Each structure stands twice: as C-alpha cells, then as structure tokens.
Amino acid sequence: MSIQTSNFAAEYGQVGGCFFNYTMKSGTNQLHGTVYDYFVNEVLNAGTPYTVSPNNPTEHIRTVERRNDYGFTLGTPIVLPKLYDGHDKTFLFFNWEQLPYE
C-alpha cells in the first residue's frame, strides 16, 4: 500500500488531495468465482416528491427505469496435466457480463 500526497506520476492523472494505491495478490491456487445480478425496476424506486400518479391518487409518479445487468467471474491457475503446472505461476481470470437492451 502506498499513499501519495503530491508530485503524482502521469499514470494517476489529476488527483486532488491524496491518492491511495493498493496492490493485492493477483492469483490463487484454488478455483474461485462470483455470480452477480444488478436489478433495477421502478416498482422498487421511491416516487418523485410533490407528484400524483394518474392511476392511483395516493401514490407518487415513478420514473420508468428497468435494467437487469448480470454476469459471472471465474479465476483459476492454468494446469495442463503432464505438460505444464501453473500453480503459483500462471493464472486465468474470466469475466462475462450481459446487459440486454430493451
């Protein structure tokens, strides 16, 4: 971990105040991954203040916004039996994400 407060390198761009730079272990010898779904629908949103819905006068108008962004990640060491042992050396990381158009 490093904290830079002035004289930033060009790779960090223009940063006000300070910049925190964390470096983590890049791979592991175990198969790991995640599955995620970012779901947005106007039913879950709050209504706009000081408005009245034409369908139901007791509710506020809600902006129509629908999104379903889903995907998965997968990380593993590369091991080819009897050819190459990539434990602690070579890793593979894959990410797939789908954002369907409506």
PDB file of N, CA and C in Angstrom:
ATOM      1  N   MET A   1       0.842  -1.164   0.000  1.00  0.00           N
ATOM      2  CA  MET A   1       0.000   0.000   0.000  1.00  0.00           C
ATOM      3  C   MET A   1       0.892   1.233   0.000  1.00  0.00           C
ATOM      4  N   SER A   2       0.495   2.227  -0.768  1.00  0.00           N
ATOM      5  CA  SER A   2       1.223   3.489  -0.754  1.00  0.00           C
ATOM      6  C   SER A   2       0.235   4.650  -0.797  1.00  0.00           C
ATOM      7  N   ILE A   3       0.595   5.737  -0.151  1.00  0.00           N
ATOM      8  CA  ILE A   3      -0.215   6.949  -0.147  1.00  0.00           C
ATOM      9  C   ILE A   3       0.640   8.065  -0.718  1.00  0.00           C
ATOM     10  N   GLN A   4       0.137   8.699  -1.779  1.00  0.00           N
ATOM     11  CA  GLN A   4       0.866   9.807  -2.397  1.00  0.00           C
ATOM     12  C   GLN A   4       0.074  11.088  -2.170  1.00  0.00           C
ATOM     13  N   THR A   5       0.750  12.116  -1.716  1.00  0.00           N
ATOM     14  CA  THR A   5       0.055  13.376  -1.430  1.00  0.00           C
ATOM     15  C   THR A   5       0.431  14.488  -2.398  1.00  0.00           C
ATOM     16  N   SER A   6       1.501  14.341  -3.157  1.00  0.00           N
ATOM     17  CA  SER A   6       1.884  15.350  -4.148  1.00  0.00           C
ATOM     18  C   SER A   6       2.835  14.725  -5.152  1.00  0.00           C
ATOM     19  N   ASN A   7       3.114  15.469  -6.231  1.00  0.00           N
ATOM     20  CA  ASN A   7       4.007  15.012  -7.302  1.00  0.00           C
ATOM     21  C   ASN A   7       3.567  13.662  -7.865  1.00  0.00           C
ATOM     22  N   PHE A   8       2.310  13.601  -8.314  1.00  0.00           N
ATOM     23  CA  PHE A   8       1.769  12.365  -8.868  1.00  0.00           C
ATOM     24  C   PHE A   8       2.403  12.048 -10.206  1.00  0.00           C
ATOM     25  N   ALA A   9       2.579  10.765 -10.488  1.00  0.00           N
ATOM     26  CA  ALA A   9       3.033  10.338 -11.807  1.00  0.00           C
ATOM     27  C   ALA A   9       1.898  10.556 -12.805  1.00  0.00           C
ATOM     28  N   ALA A  10       2.220  10.625 -14.081  1.00  0.00           N
ATOM     29  CA  ALA A  10       1.228  10.883 -15.119  1.00  0.00           C
ATOM     30  C   ALA A  10       0.157   9.783 -15.173  1.00  0.00           C
ATOM     31  N   GLU A  11       0.476   8.571 -14.756  1.00  0.00           N
ATOM     32  CA  GLU A  11      -0.485   7.469 -14.819  1.00  0.00           C
ATOM     33  C   GLU A  11      -1.680   7.657 -13.881  1.00  0.00           C
ATOM     34  N   TYR A  12      -1.542   8.518 -12.865  1.00  0.00           N
ATOM     35  CA  TYR A  12      -2.624   8.729 -11.911  1.00  0.00           C
ATOM     36  C   TYR A  12      -3.521   9.907 -12.279  1.00  0.00           C
ATOM     37  N   GLY A  13      -3.153  10.693 -13.270  1.00  0.00           N
ATOM     38  CA  GLY A  13      -3.987  11.808 -13.689  1.00  0.00           C
ATOM     39  C   GLY A  13      -3.968  12.935 -12.677  1.00  0.00           C
ATOM     40  N   GLN A  14      -5.029  13.737 -12.688  1.00  0.00           N
ATOM     41  CA  GLN A  14      -5.123  14.860 -11.764  1.00  0.00           C
ATOM     42  C   GLN A  14      -5.938  14.430 -10.567  1.00  0.00           C
ATOM     43  N   VAL A  15      -5.311  14.354  -9.421  1.00  0.00           N
ATOM     44  CA  VAL A  15      -5.962  13.904  -8.200  1.00  0.00           C
ATOM     45  C   VAL A  15      -5.859  15.026  -7.180  1.00  0.00           C
ATOM     46  N   GLY A  16      -6.978  15.374  -6.568  1.00  0.00           N
ATOM     47  CA  GLY A  16      -6.952  16.382  -5.525  1.00  0.00           C
ATOM     48  C   GLY A  16      -6.771  15.732  -4.164  1.00  0.00           C
ATOM     49  N   GLY A  17      -5.920  16.285  -3.332  1.00  0.00           N
ATOM     50  CA  GLY A  17      -5.730  15.721  -2.001  1.00  0.00           C
ATOM     51  C   GLY A  17      -4.654  14.667  -1.995  1.00  0.00           C
ATOM     52  N   CYS A  18      -5.064  13.391  -1.956  1.00  0.00           N
ATOM     53  CA  CYS A  18      -4.085  12.308  -1.949  1.00  0.00           C
ATOM     54  C   CYS A  18      -4.613  11.133  -2.756  1.00  0.00           C
ATOM     55  N   PHE A  19      -3.741  10.193  -3.006  1.00  0.00           N
ATOM     56  CA  PHE A  19      -4.064   9.020  -3.812  1.00  0.00           C
ATOM     57  C   PHE A  19      -3.626   7.777  -3.054  1.00  0.00           C
ATOM     58  N   PHE A  20      -4.551   6.819  -2.861  1.00  0.00           N
ATOM     59  CA  PHE A  20      -4.261   5.551  -2.203  1.00  0.00           C
ATOM     60  C   PHE A  20      -4.051   4.488  -3.271  1.00  0.00           C
ATOM     61  N   ASN A  21      -2.954   3.784  -3.225  1.00  0.00           N
ATOM     62  CA  ASN A  21      -2.644   2.744  -4.195  1.00  0.00           C
ATOM     63  C   ASN A  21      -2.470   1.428  -3.453  1.00  0.00           C
ATOM     64  N   TYR A  22      -3.370   0.469  -3.725  1.00  0.00           N
ATOM     65  CA  TYR A  22      -3.314  -0.845  -3.087  1.00  0.00           C
ATOM     66  C   TYR A  22      -2.861  -1.878  -4.109  1.00  0.00           C
ATOM     67  N   THR A  23      -1.960  -2.748  -3.726  1.00  0.00           N
ATOM     68  CA  THR A  23      -1.535  -3.859  -4.558  1.00  0.00           C
ATOM     69  C   THR A  23      -1.855  -5.141  -3.812  1.00  0.00           C
ATOM     70  N   MET A  24      -2.575  -6.046  -4.500  1.00  0.00           N
ATOM     71  CA  MET A  24      -3.002  -7.288  -3.861  1.00  0.00           C
ATOM     72  C   MET A  24      -2.434  -8.486  -4.604  1.00  0.00           C
ATOM     73  N   LYS A  25      -2.484  -9.625  -3.973  1.00  0.00           N
ATOM     74  CA  LYS A  25      -2.070 -10.870  -4.600  1.00  0.00           C
ATOM     75  C   LYS A  25      -2.919 -11.084  -5.847  1.00  0.00           C
ATOM     76  N   SER A  26      -2.292 -11.421  -6.963  1.00  0.00           N
ATOM     77  CA  SER A  26      -3.000 -11.463  -8.233  1.00  0.00           C
ATOM     78  C   SER A  26      -3.665 -12.798  -8.544  1.00  0.00           C
ATOM     79  N   GLY A  27      -3.350 -13.848  -7.855  1.00  0.00           N
ATOM     80  CA  GLY A  27      -3.945 -15.131  -8.180  1.00  0.00           C
ATOM     81  C   GLY A  27      -3.972 -16.046  -6.979  1.00  0.00           C
ATOM     82  N   THR A  28      -4.663 -17.149  -7.118  1.00  0.00           N
ATOM     83  CA  THR A  28      -4.730 -18.143  -6.056  1.00  0.00           C
ATOM     84  C   THR A  28      -4.733 -19.524  -6.693  1.00  0.00           C
ATOM     85  N   ASN A  29      -4.359 -20.512  -5.948  1.00  0.00           N
ATOM     86  CA  ASN A  29      -4.294 -21.868  -6.479  1.00  0.00           C
ATOM     87  C   ASN A  29      -5.619 -22.600  -6.375  1.00  0.00           C
ATOM     88  N   GLN A  30      -6.676 -21.902  -6.045  1.00  0.00           N
ATOM     89  CA  GLN A  30      -7.999 -22.514  -5.951  1.00  0.00           C
ATOM     90  C   GLN A  30      -8.912 -21.939  -7.033  1.00  0.00           C
ATOM     91  N   LEU A  31      -9.855 -22.737  -7.468  1.00  0.00           N
ATOM     92  CA  LEU A  31     -10.889 -22.272  -8.383  1.00  0.00           C
ATOM     93  C   LEU A  31     -11.827 -21.360  -7.593  1.00  0.00           C
ATOM     94  N   HIS A  32     -12.075 -20.164  -8.073  1.00  0.00           N
ATOM     95  CA  HIS A  32     -12.962 -19.242  -7.380  1.00  0.00           C
ATOM     96  C   HIS A  32     -13.727 -18.405  -8.403  1.00  0.00           C
ATOM     97  N   GLY A  33     -14.835 -17.862  -7.965  1.00  0.00           N
ATOM     98  CA  GLY A  33     -15.637 -17.042  -8.861  1.00  0.00           C
ATOM     99  C   GLY A  33     -16.829 -16.438  -8.141  1.00  0.00           C
ATOM    100  N   THR A  34     -17.563 -15.614  -8.872  1.00  0.00           N
ATOM    101  CA  THR A  34     -18.758 -14.969  -8.341  1.00  0.00           C
ATOM    102  C   THR A  34     -19.839 -14.938  -9.416  1.00  0.00           C
ATOM    103  N   VAL A  35     -21.063 -14.822  -8.959  1.00  0.00           N
ATOM    104  CA  VAL A  35     -22.219 -14.617  -9.837  1.00  0.00           C
ATOM    105  C   VAL A  35     -22.928 -13.381  -9.318  1.00  0.00           C
ATOM    106  N   TYR A  36     -23.337 -12.483 -10.221  1.00  0.00           N
ATOM    107  CA  TYR A  36     -23.969 -11.250  -9.769  1.00  0.00           C
ATOM    108  C   TYR A  36     -25.125 -10.863 -10.684  1.00  0.00           C
ATOM    109  N   ASP A  37     -26.021 -10.059 -10.151  1.00  0.00           N
ATOM    110  CA  ASP A  37     -27.168  -9.536 -10.888  1.00  0.00           C
ATOM    111  C   ASP A  37     -27.511  -8.167 -10.329  1.00  0.00           C
ATOM    112  N   TYR A  38     -27.482  -7.148 -11.183  1.00  0.00           N
ATOM    113  CA  TYR A  38     -27.859  -5.796 -10.795  1.00  0.00           C
ATOM    114  C   TYR A  38     -29.235  -5.544 -11.396  1.00  0.00           C
ATOM    115  N   PHE A  39     -30.255  -5.524 -10.540  1.00  0.00           N
ATOM    116  CA  PHE A  39     -31.644  -5.452 -10.983  1.00  0.00           C
ATOM    117  C   PHE A  39     -32.242  -4.111 -10.574  1.00  0.00           C
ATOM    118  N   VAL A  40     -32.822  -3.394 -11.539  1.00  0.00           N
ATOM    119  CA  VAL A  40     -33.479  -2.111 -11.284  1.00  0.00           C
ATOM    120  C   VAL A  40     -34.866  -2.154 -11.904  1.00  0.00           C
ATOM    121  N   ASN A  41     -35.870  -1.718 -11.131  1.00  0.00           N
ATOM    122  CA  ASN A  41     -37.240  -1.639 -11.625  1.00  0.00           C
ATOM    123  C   ASN A  41     -37.931  -0.499 -10.893  1.00  0.00           C
ATOM    124  N   GLU A  42     -38.811   0.211 -11.590  1.00  0.00           N
ATOM    125  CA  GLU A  42     -39.468   1.367 -10.974  1.00  0.00           C
ATOM    126  C   GLU A  42     -40.341   0.987  -9.780  1.00  0.00           C
ATOM    127  N   VAL A  43     -40.773  -0.253  -9.685  1.00  0.00           N
ATOM    128  CA  VAL A  43     -41.573  -0.686  -8.540  1.00  0.00           C
ATOM    129  C   VAL A  43     -40.755  -0.590  -7.245  1.00  0.00           C
ATOM    130  N   LEU A  44     -39.440  -0.767  -7.357  1.00  0.00           N
ATOM    131  CA  LEU A  44     -38.564  -0.717  -6.194  1.00  0.00           C
ATOM    132  C   LEU A  44     -38.111   0.705  -5.854  1.00  0.00           C
ATOM    133  N   ASN A  45     -38.357   1.669  -6.753  1.00  0.00           N
ATOM    134  CA  ASN A  45     -37.899   3.043  -6.540  1.00  0.00           C
ATOM    135  C   ASN A  45     -38.927   3.844  -5.755  1.00  0.00           C
ATOM    136  N   ALA A  46     -38.449   4.905  -5.112  1.00  0.00           N
ATOM    137  CA  ALA A  46     -39.344   5.833  -4.438  1.00  0.00           C
ATOM    138  C   ALA A  46     -39.969   6.755  -5.470  1.00  0.00           C
ATOM    139  N   GLY A  47     -41.159   7.274  -5.163  1.00  0.00           N
ATOM    140  CA  GLY A  47     -41.835   8.191  -6.071  1.00  0.00           C
ATOM    141  C   GLY A  47     -41.226   9.574  -6.020  1.00  0.00           C
ATOM    142  N   THR A  48     -41.449  10.353  -7.095  1.00  0.00           N
ATOM    143  CA  THR A  48     -40.972  11.729  -7.158  1.00  0.00           C
ATOM    144  C   THR A  48     -41.816  12.591  -6.224  1.00  0.00           C
ATOM    145  N   PRO A  49     -41.183  13.371  -5.364  1.00  0.00           N
ATOM    146  CA  PRO A  49     -41.954  14.186  -4.411  1.00  0.00           C
ATOM    147  C   PRO A  49     -42.860  15.199  -5.121  1.00  0.00           C
ATOM    148  N   TYR A  50     -43.975  15.525  -4.510  1.00  0.00           N
ATOM    149  CA  TYR A  50     -44.939  16.540  -4.966  1.00  0.00           C
ATOM    150  C   TYR A  50     -45.577  16.193  -6.303  1.00  0.00           C
ATOM    151  N   THR A  51     -45.695  14.908  -6.608  1.00  0.00           N
ATOM    152  CA  THR A  51     -46.402  14.468  -7.810  1.00  0.00           C
ATOM    153  C   THR A  51     -47.484  13.480  -7.407  1.00  0.00           C
ATOM    154  N   VAL A  52     -48.481  13.333  -8.279  1.00  0.00           N
ATOM    155  CA  VAL A  52     -49.566  12.389  -8.025  1.00  0.00           C
ATOM    156  C   VAL A  52     -49.720  11.504  -9.250  1.00  0.00           C
ATOM    157  N   SER A  53     -49.777  10.199  -9.042  1.00  0.00           N
ATOM    158  CA  SER A  53     -49.937   9.250 -10.133  1.00  0.00           C
ATOM    159  C   SER A  53     -51.353   9.340 -10.697  1.00  0.00           C
ATOM    160  N   PRO A  54     -51.499   9.372 -12.041  1.00  0.00           N
ATOM    161  CA  PRO A  54     -52.851   9.438 -12.616  1.00  0.00           C
ATOM    162  C   PRO A  54     -53.656   8.164 -12.377  1.00  0.00           C
ATOM    163  N   ASN A  55     -52.986   7.030 -12.195  1.00  0.00           N
ATOM    164  CA  ASN A  55     -53.687   5.765 -11.968  1.00  0.00           C
ATOM    165  C   ASN A  55     -54.134   5.601 -10.527  1.00  0.00           C
ATOM    166  N   ASN A  56     -53.351   6.132  -9.586  1.00  0.00           N
ATOM    167  CA  ASN A  56     -53.667   5.984  -8.177  1.00  0.00           C
ATOM    168  C   ASN A  56     -53.309   7.297  -7.468  1.00  0.00           C
ATOM    169  N   PRO A  57     -54.310   8.091  -7.062  1.00  0.00           N
ATOM    170  CA  PRO A  57     -54.020   9.403  -6.477  1.00  0.00           C
ATOM    171  C   PRO A  57     -53.290   9.348  -5.129  1.00  0.00           C
ATOM    172  N   THR A  58     -53.139   8.177  -4.529  1.00  0.00           N
ATOM    173  CA  THR A  58     -52.420   8.082  -3.254  1.00  0.00           C
ATOM    174  C   THR A  58     -50.935   7.781  -3.445  1.00  0.00           C
ATOM    175  N   GLU A  59     -50.487   7.596  -4.698  1.00  0.00           N
ATOM    176  CA  GLU A  59     -49.086   7.285  -4.986  1.00  0.00           C
ATOM    177  C   GLU A  59     -48.427   8.415  -5.757  1.00  0.00           C
ATOM    178  N   HIS A  60     -47.093   8.506  -5.631  1.00  0.00           N
ATOM    179  CA  HIS A  60     -46.312   9.466  -6.405  1.00  0.00           C
ATOM    180  C   HIS A  60     -45.948   8.854  -7.757  1.00  0.00           C
ATOM    181  N   ILE A  61     -45.616   9.714  -8.737  1.00  0.00           N
ATOM    182  CA  ILE A  61     -45.165   9.238 -10.051  1.00  0.00           C
ATOM    183  C   ILE A  61     -43.761   8.668  -9.901  1.00  0.00           C
ATOM    184  N   ARG A  62     -43.535   7.513 -10.515  1.00  0.00           N
ATOM    185  CA  ARG A  62     -42.225   6.866 -10.503  1.00  0.00           C
ATOM    186  C   ARG A  62     -41.650   6.879 -11.906  1.00  0.00           C
ATOM    187  N   THR A  63     -40.399   7.261 -12.020  1.00  0.00           N
ATOM    188  CA  THR A  63     -39.728   7.271 -13.313  1.00  0.00           C
ATOM    189  C   THR A  63     -39.507   5.832 -13.770  1.00  0.00           C
ATOM    190  N   VAL A  64     -39.868   5.555 -15.031  1.00  0.00           N
ATOM    191  CA  VAL A  64     -39.700   4.197 -15.555  1.00  0.00           C
ATOM    192  C   VAL A  64     -38.214   3.954 -15.815  1.00  0.00           C
ATOM    193  N   GLU A  65     -37.664   3.001 -15.117  1.00  0.00           N
ATOM    194  CA  GLU A  65     -36.266   2.619 -15.280  1.00  0.00           C
ATOM    195  C   GLU A  65     -36.163   1.119 -15.043  1.00  0.00           C
ATOM    196  N   ARG A  66     -35.794   0.399 -16.082  1.00  0.00           N
ATOM    197  CA  ARG A  66     -35.687  -1.061 -15.967  1.00  0.00           C
ATOM    198  C   ARG A  66     -34.326  -1.498 -16.484  1.00  0.00           C
ATOM    199  N   ARG A  67     -33.620  -2.258 -15.650  1.00  0.00           N
ATOM    200  CA  ARG A  67     -32.294  -2.733 -16.007  1.00  0.00           C
ATOM    201  C   ARG A  67     -32.050  -4.070 -15.321  1.00  0.00           C
ATOM    202  N   ASN A  68     -31.433  -4.985 -16.037  1.00  0.00           N
ATOM    203  CA  ASN A  68     -31.065  -6.275 -15.470  1.00  0.00           C
ATOM    204  C   ASN A  68     -29.685  -6.628 -16.007  1.00  0.00           C
ATOM    205  N   ASP A  69     -28.671  -6.269 -15.262  1.00  0.00           N
ATOM    206  CA  ASP A  69     -27.278  -6.466 -15.653  1.00  0.00           C
ATOM    207  C   ASP A  69     -26.730  -7.650 -14.852  1.00  0.00           C
ATOM    208  N   TYR A  70     -26.410  -8.740 -15.522  1.00  0.00           N
ATOM    209  CA  TYR A  70     -25.983  -9.946 -14.820  1.00  0.00           C
ATOM    210  C   TYR A  70     -24.724 -10.517 -15.446  1.00  0.00           C
ATOM    211  N   GLY A  71     -24.041 -11.369 -14.686  1.00  0.00           N
ATOM    212  CA  GLY A  71     -22.835 -11.986 -15.198  1.00  0.00           C
ATOM    213  C   GLY A  71     -22.153 -12.857 -14.162  1.00  0.00           C
ATOM    214  N   PHE A  72     -20.925 -13.274 -14.486  1.00  0.00           N
ATOM    215  CA  PHE A  72     -20.157 -14.107 -13.565  1.00  0.00           C
ATOM    216  C   PHE A  72     -18.670 -13.881 -13.798  1.00  0.00           C
ATOM    217  N   THR A  73     -17.860 -14.241 -12.800  1.00  0.00           N
ATOM    218  CA  THR A  73     -16.405 -14.213 -12.907  1.00  0.00           C
ATOM    219  C   THR A  73     -15.865 -15.586 -12.525  1.00  0.00           C
ATOM    220  N   LEU A  74     -14.699 -15.912 -13.055  1.00  0.00           N
ATOM    221  CA  LEU A  74     -14.081 -17.201 -12.775  1.00  0.00           C
ATOM    222  C   LEU A  74     -12.567 -17.019 -12.803  1.00  0.00           C
ATOM    223  N   GLY A  75     -11.887 -17.483 -11.756  1.00  0.00           N
ATOM    224  CA  GLY A  75     -10.433 -17.415 -11.686  1.00  0.00           C
ATOM    225  C   GLY A  75      -9.857 -18.758 -11.281  1.00  0.00           C
ATOM    226  N   THR A  76      -8.738 -19.140 -11.895  1.00  0.00           N
ATOM    227  CA  THR A  76      -8.131 -20.441 -11.621  1.00  0.00           C
ATOM    228  C   THR A  76      -6.679 -20.449 -12.098  1.00  0.00           C
ATOM    229  N   PRO A  77      -5.829 -21.285 -11.524  1.00  0.00           N
ATOM    230  CA  PRO A  77      -4.488 -21.438 -12.092  1.00  0.00           C
ATOM    231  C   PRO A  77      -4.560 -22.274 -13.377  1.00  0.00           C
ATOM    232  N   ILE A  78      -3.629 -22.044 -14.285  1.00  0.00           N
ATOM    233  CA  ILE A  78      -3.595 -22.822 -15.528  1.00  0.00           C
ATOM    234  C   ILE A  78      -2.752 -24.067 -15.288  1.00  0.00           C
ATOM    235  N   VAL A  79      -3.377 -25.221 -15.426  1.00  0.00           N
ATOM    236  CA  VAL A  79      -2.700 -26.502 -15.227  1.00  0.00           C
ATOM    237  C   VAL A  79      -3.018 -27.399 -16.421  1.00  0.00           C
ATOM    238  N   LEU A  80      -1.987 -27.836 -17.123  1.00  0.00           N
ATOM    239  CA  LEU A  80      -2.135 -28.789 -18.218  1.00  0.00           C
ATOM    240  C   LEU A  80      -1.452 -30.080 -17.772  1.00  0.00           C
ATOM    241  N   PRO A  81      -2.220 -31.136 -17.474  1.00  0.00           N
ATOM    242  CA  PRO A  81      -1.626 -32.369 -16.937  1.00  0.00           C
ATOM    243  C   PRO A  81      -0.506 -32.912 -17.833  1.00  0.00           C
ATOM    244  N   LYS A  82       0.592 -33.308 -17.206  1.00  0.00           N
ATOM    245  CA  LYS A  82       1.784 -33.888 -17.840  1.00  0.00           C
ATOM    246  C   LYS A  82       2.469 -32.932 -18.820  1.00  0.00           C
ATOM    247  N   LEU A  83       2.054 -31.651 -18.829  1.00  0.00           N
ATOM    248  CA  LEU A  83       2.644 -30.698 -19.753  1.00  0.00           C
ATOM    249  C   LEU A  83       3.121 -29.428 -19.044  1.00  0.00           C
ATOM    250  N   TYR A  84       2.265 -28.863 -18.179  1.00  0.00           N
ATOM    251  CA  TYR A  84       2.618 -27.610 -17.502  1.00  0.00           C
ATOM    252  C   TYR A  84       1.862 -27.498 -16.179  1.00  0.00           C
ATOM    253  N   ASP A  85       2.599 -27.163 -15.118  1.00  0.00           N
ATOM    254  CA  ASP A  85       1.983 -26.954 -13.812  1.00  0.00           C
ATOM    255  C   ASP A  85       2.074 -25.470 -13.481  1.00  0.00           C
ATOM    256  N   GLY A  86       0.956 -24.778 -13.561  1.00  0.00           N
ATOM    257  CA  GLY A  86       0.935 -23.338 -13.364  1.00  0.00           C
ATOM    258  C   GLY A  86       0.627 -22.887 -11.957  1.00  0.00           C
ATOM    259  N   HIS A  87       0.621 -23.806 -10.980  1.00  0.00           N
ATOM    260  CA  HIS A  87       0.382 -23.396  -9.588  1.00  0.00           C
ATOM    261  C   HIS A  87       1.439 -22.380  -9.181  1.00  0.00           C
ATOM    262  N   ASP A  88       1.010 -21.294  -8.555  1.00  0.00           N
ATOM    263  CA  ASP A  88       1.865 -20.197  -8.089  1.00  0.00           C
ATOM    264  C   ASP A  88       2.568 -19.456  -9.224  1.00  0.00           C
ATOM    265  N   LYS A  89       2.231 -19.725 -10.501  1.00  0.00           N
ATOM    266  CA  LYS A  89       2.933 -19.080 -11.613  1.00  0.00           C
ATOM    267  C   LYS A  89       1.994 -18.407 -12.612  1.00  0.00           C
ATOM    268  N   THR A  90       1.039 -19.153 -13.166  1.00  0.00           N
ATOM    269  CA  THR A  90       0.210 -18.652 -14.253  1.00  0.00           C
ATOM    270  C   THR A  90      -1.263 -18.804 -13.889  1.00  0.00           C
ATOM    271  N   PHE A  91      -2.013 -17.715 -14.058  1.00  0.00           N
ATOM    272  CA  PHE A  91      -3.417 -17.711 -13.660  1.00  0.00           C
ATOM    273  C   PHE A  91      -4.297 -17.233 -14.800  1.00  0.00           C
ATOM    274  N   LEU A  92      -5.531 -17.664 -14.772  1.00  0.00           N
ATOM    275  CA  LEU A  92      -6.529 -17.269 -15.760  1.00  0.00           C
ATOM    276  C   LEU A  92      -7.688 -16.628 -15.018  1.00  0.00           C
ATOM    277  N   PHE A  93      -8.149 -15.477 -15.496  1.00  0.00           N
ATOM    278  CA  PHE A  93      -9.320 -14.826 -14.914  1.00  0.00           C
ATOM    279  C   PHE A  93     -10.248 -14.458 -16.050  1.00  0.00           C
ATOM    280  N   PHE A  94     -11.535 -14.800 -15.911  1.00  0.00           N
ATOM    281  CA  PHE A  94     -12.525 -14.554 -16.950  1.00  0.00           C
ATOM    282  C   PHE A  94     -13.736 -13.866 -16.340  1.00  0.00           C
ATOM    283  N   ASN A  95     -14.267 -12.896 -17.047  1.00  0.00           N
ATOM    284  CA  ASN A  95     -15.462 -12.181 -16.624  1.00  0.00           C
ATOM    285  C   ASN A  95     -16.426 -12.099 -17.803  1.00  0.00           C
ATOM    286  N   TRP A  96     -17.685 -12.439 -17.574  1.00  0.00           N
ATOM    287  CA  TRP A  96     -18.720 -12.318 -18.596  1.00  0.00           C
ATOM    288  C   TRP A  96     -19.859 -11.506 -18.009  1.00  0.00           C
ATOM    289  N   GLU A  97     -20.333 -10.520 -18.775  1.00  0.00           N
ATOM    290  CA  GLU A  97     -21.414  -9.650 -18.308  1.00  0.00           C
ATOM    291  C   GLU A  97     -22.394  -9.427 -19.444  1.00  0.00           C
ATOM    292  N   GLN A  98     -23.681  -9.427 -19.122  1.00  0.00           N
ATOM    293  CA  GLN A  98     -24.729  -9.250 -20.125  1.00  0.00           C
ATOM    294  C   GLN A  98     -25.632  -8.118 -19.679  1.00  0.00           C
ATOM    295  N   LEU A  99     -25.798  -7.121 -20.535  1.00  0.00           N
ATOM    296  CA  LEU A  99     -26.731  -6.033 -20.307  1.00  0.00           C
ATOM    297  C   LEU A  99     -27.686  -6.003 -21.485  1.00  0.00           C
ATOM    298  N   PRO A 100     -28.821  -6.712 -21.384  1.00  0.00           N
ATOM    299  CA  PRO A 100     -29.731  -6.774 -22.530  1.00  0.00           C
ATOM    300  C   PRO A 100     -30.381  -5.426 -22.808  1.00  0.00           C
ATOM    301  N   TYR A 101     -30.557  -5.130 -24.079  1.00  0.00           N
ATOM    302  CA  TYR A 101     -31.250  -3.913 -24.484  1.00  0.00           C
ATOM    303  C   TYR A 101     -32.746  -4.138 -24.449  1.00  0.00           C
ATOM    304  N   GLU A 102     -33.467  -3.097 -24.101  1.00  0.00           N
ATOM    305  CA  GLU A 102     -34.933  -3.229 -24.056  1.00  0.00           C
ATOM    306  C   GLU A 102     -35.558  -2.478 -25.188  1.00  0.00           C
TER     307      GLU A 102
END
